[in-house]
Amino acid sequence: MSKQVKSTLVKIFAALALAFACVAVAQTFANNSTSQNVQAAKKKKMSKKEKAAKRWIAMRESGGSYTARNGSCYGKYQLSIGYLHGDLSPKNQERTADRYVYGRYGSWVNAKRFWLAHNWY
């Protein structure tokens, strides 16, 4: 193999390594941000508006049933079964729904707004 080809390959591998490192760093920041949102939500008590929005979504999604099923969605909040990682318990459904909503929407009130606009959340 010529020196020029080797040099090009080294540059390609270095660029790929840098790209993977950037993706890993970005994912770490995104995961930390979501974790901080969920932890902050757990530390403070849910407001009446938050509780009402959460209850409203649960009623629209499943009629409030922890065992409701619709295709690949399951439970009170109709979460993708993959999100529940095999634990279909009410406690895990509540924890996972909170993590999903606070990570994606920032609050249950915002999730309800999205639901009203799109008929899903």
Protein backbone atom coordinates (compact mmCIF):
# COMPACT_ATOMS: atom_id res chain seq x y z
CA MET A 1 0.00 0.00 0.00
CA SER A 2 1.33 3.40 -0.89
CA LYS A 3 2.09 6.09 1.67
CA GLN A 4 -0.62 8.30 0.18
CA VAL A 5 -3.31 5.60 0.59
CA LYS A 6 -2.15 4.91 4.17
CA SER A 7 -2.25 8.62 4.95
CA THR A 8 -5.77 8.91 3.53
CA LEU A 9 -6.96 5.90 5.53
CA VAL A 10 -5.49 7.30 8.73
CA LYS A 11 -7.29 10.60 8.11
CA ILE A 12 -10.59 8.80 7.47
CA PHE A 13 -10.27 6.74 10.64
CA ALA A 14 -9.37 9.85 12.64
CA ALA A 15 -12.40 11.70 11.25
CA LEU A 16 -14.67 8.76 12.11
CA ALA A 17 -13.28 8.55 15.64
CA LEU A 18 -13.84 12.27 16.10
CA ALA A 19 -17.41 12.00 14.77
CA PHE A 20 -18.20 9.12 17.15
CA ALA A 21 -16.71 11.06 20.06
CA CYS A 22 -18.87 14.09 19.22
CA VAL A 23 -22.01 11.93 19.09
CA ALA A 24 -21.13 10.35 22.44
CA VAL A 25 -20.63 13.75 24.05
CA ALA A 26 -23.90 15.08 22.59
CA GLN A 27 -25.81 12.02 23.88
CA THR A 28 -24.29 12.46 27.32
CA PHE A 29 -25.41 16.09 27.46
CA ALA A 30 -28.90 15.18 26.22
CA ASN A 31 -29.23 12.34 28.76
CA ASN A 32 -28.00 14.56 31.59
CA SER A 33 -30.49 17.26 30.64
CA THR A 34 -33.37 14.77 30.61
CA SER A 35 -32.19 13.33 33.92
CA GLN A 36 -32.03 16.78 35.45
CA ASN A 37 -35.58 17.56 34.25
CA VAL A 38 -36.92 14.32 35.73
CA GLN A 39 -34.99 14.78 38.99
CA ALA A 40 -36.18 18.37 39.31
CA ALA A 41 -39.76 17.24 38.73
CA LYS A 42 -39.42 14.56 41.41
CA LYS A 43 -38.01 17.00 43.96
CA LYS A 44 -40.92 19.39 43.71
CA LYS A 45 -44.47 18.35 44.29
CA MET A 46 -46.65 18.27 41.22
CA SER A 47 -48.98 21.22 40.97
CA LYS A 48 -52.73 20.74 40.65
CA LYS A 49 -52.44 21.66 36.96
CA GLU A 50 -49.73 19.05 36.42
CA LYS A 51 -51.74 16.36 38.20
CA ALA A 52 -54.86 17.29 36.25
CA ALA A 53 -53.00 17.18 32.92
CA LYS A 54 -51.45 13.80 33.79
CA ARG A 55 -54.84 12.40 34.80
CA TRP A 56 -56.44 13.84 31.64
CA ILE A 57 -53.85 12.15 29.39
CA ALA A 58 -54.24 8.84 31.22
CA MET A 59 -58.00 8.93 30.74
CA ARG A 60 -57.69 9.69 27.02
CA GLU A 61 -55.01 7.08 26.45
CA SER A 62 -56.35 4.14 28.45
CA GLY A 63 -59.38 5.13 30.49
CA GLY A 64 -56.96 5.06 33.43
CA SER A 65 -56.21 1.31 33.11
CA TYR A 66 -52.71 0.03 33.83
CA THR A 67 -53.42 -3.04 31.67
CA ALA A 68 -54.83 -1.34 28.55
CA ARG A 69 -53.20 -2.49 25.32
CA ASN A 70 -53.17 -0.97 21.84
CA GLY A 71 -50.74 -2.54 19.41
CA SER A 72 -47.23 -2.05 20.78
CA CYS A 73 -48.43 0.41 23.44
CA TYR A 74 -49.33 -0.65 26.93
CA GLY A 75 -50.71 0.66 30.18
CA LYS A 76 -52.22 3.74 31.69
CA TYR A 77 -50.18 6.15 29.52
CA GLN A 78 -50.00 3.90 26.44
CA LEU A 79 -46.22 3.83 26.45
CA SER A 80 -44.28 1.81 23.92
CA ILE A 81 -43.63 -1.56 25.55
CA GLY A 82 -39.92 -1.05 24.79
CA TYR A 83 -39.85 1.98 27.11
CA LEU A 84 -41.01 -0.21 30.00
CA HIS A 85 -38.12 -2.69 29.57
CA GLY A 86 -40.25 -5.68 30.53
CA ASP A 87 -41.54 -4.17 33.80
CA LEU A 88 -45.26 -3.53 33.30
CA SER A 89 -45.91 -2.64 36.96
CA PRO A 90 -47.92 0.48 37.79
CA LYS A 91 -44.90 1.94 39.62
CA ASN A 92 -42.68 1.55 36.55
CA GLN A 93 -45.41 2.93 34.27
CA GLU A 94 -45.67 6.05 36.44
CA ARG A 95 -41.89 6.50 36.62
CA THR A 96 -41.42 5.89 32.89
CA ALA A 97 -44.30 8.18 31.91
CA ASP A 98 -42.86 10.98 34.05
CA ARG A 99 -39.40 10.46 32.57
CA TYR A 100 -40.83 10.47 29.03
CA VAL A 101 -43.03 13.52 29.52
CA TYR A 102 -40.49 15.65 31.41
CA GLY A 103 -37.76 14.68 28.94
CA ARG A 104 -39.81 15.38 25.83
CA TYR A 105 -42.22 18.16 26.86
CA GLY A 106 -40.89 19.57 30.13
CA SER A 107 -44.24 19.17 31.88
CA TRP A 108 -47.52 17.30 31.80
CA VAL A 109 -49.28 20.57 30.96
CA ASN A 110 -47.12 20.91 27.83
CA ALA A 111 -47.74 17.25 26.97
CA LYS A 112 -51.49 17.86 27.21
CA ARG A 113 -51.18 20.90 24.91
CA PHE A 114 -49.34 18.73 22.39
CA TRP A 115 -51.97 15.99 22.76
CA LEU A 116 -54.76 18.47 22.08
CA ALA A 117 -53.04 19.64 18.90
CA HIS A 118 -52.06 16.18 17.60
CA ASN A 119 -54.30 13.62 19.39
CA TRP A 120 -51.22 11.84 20.76
CA TYR A 121 -48.24 12.74 22.93
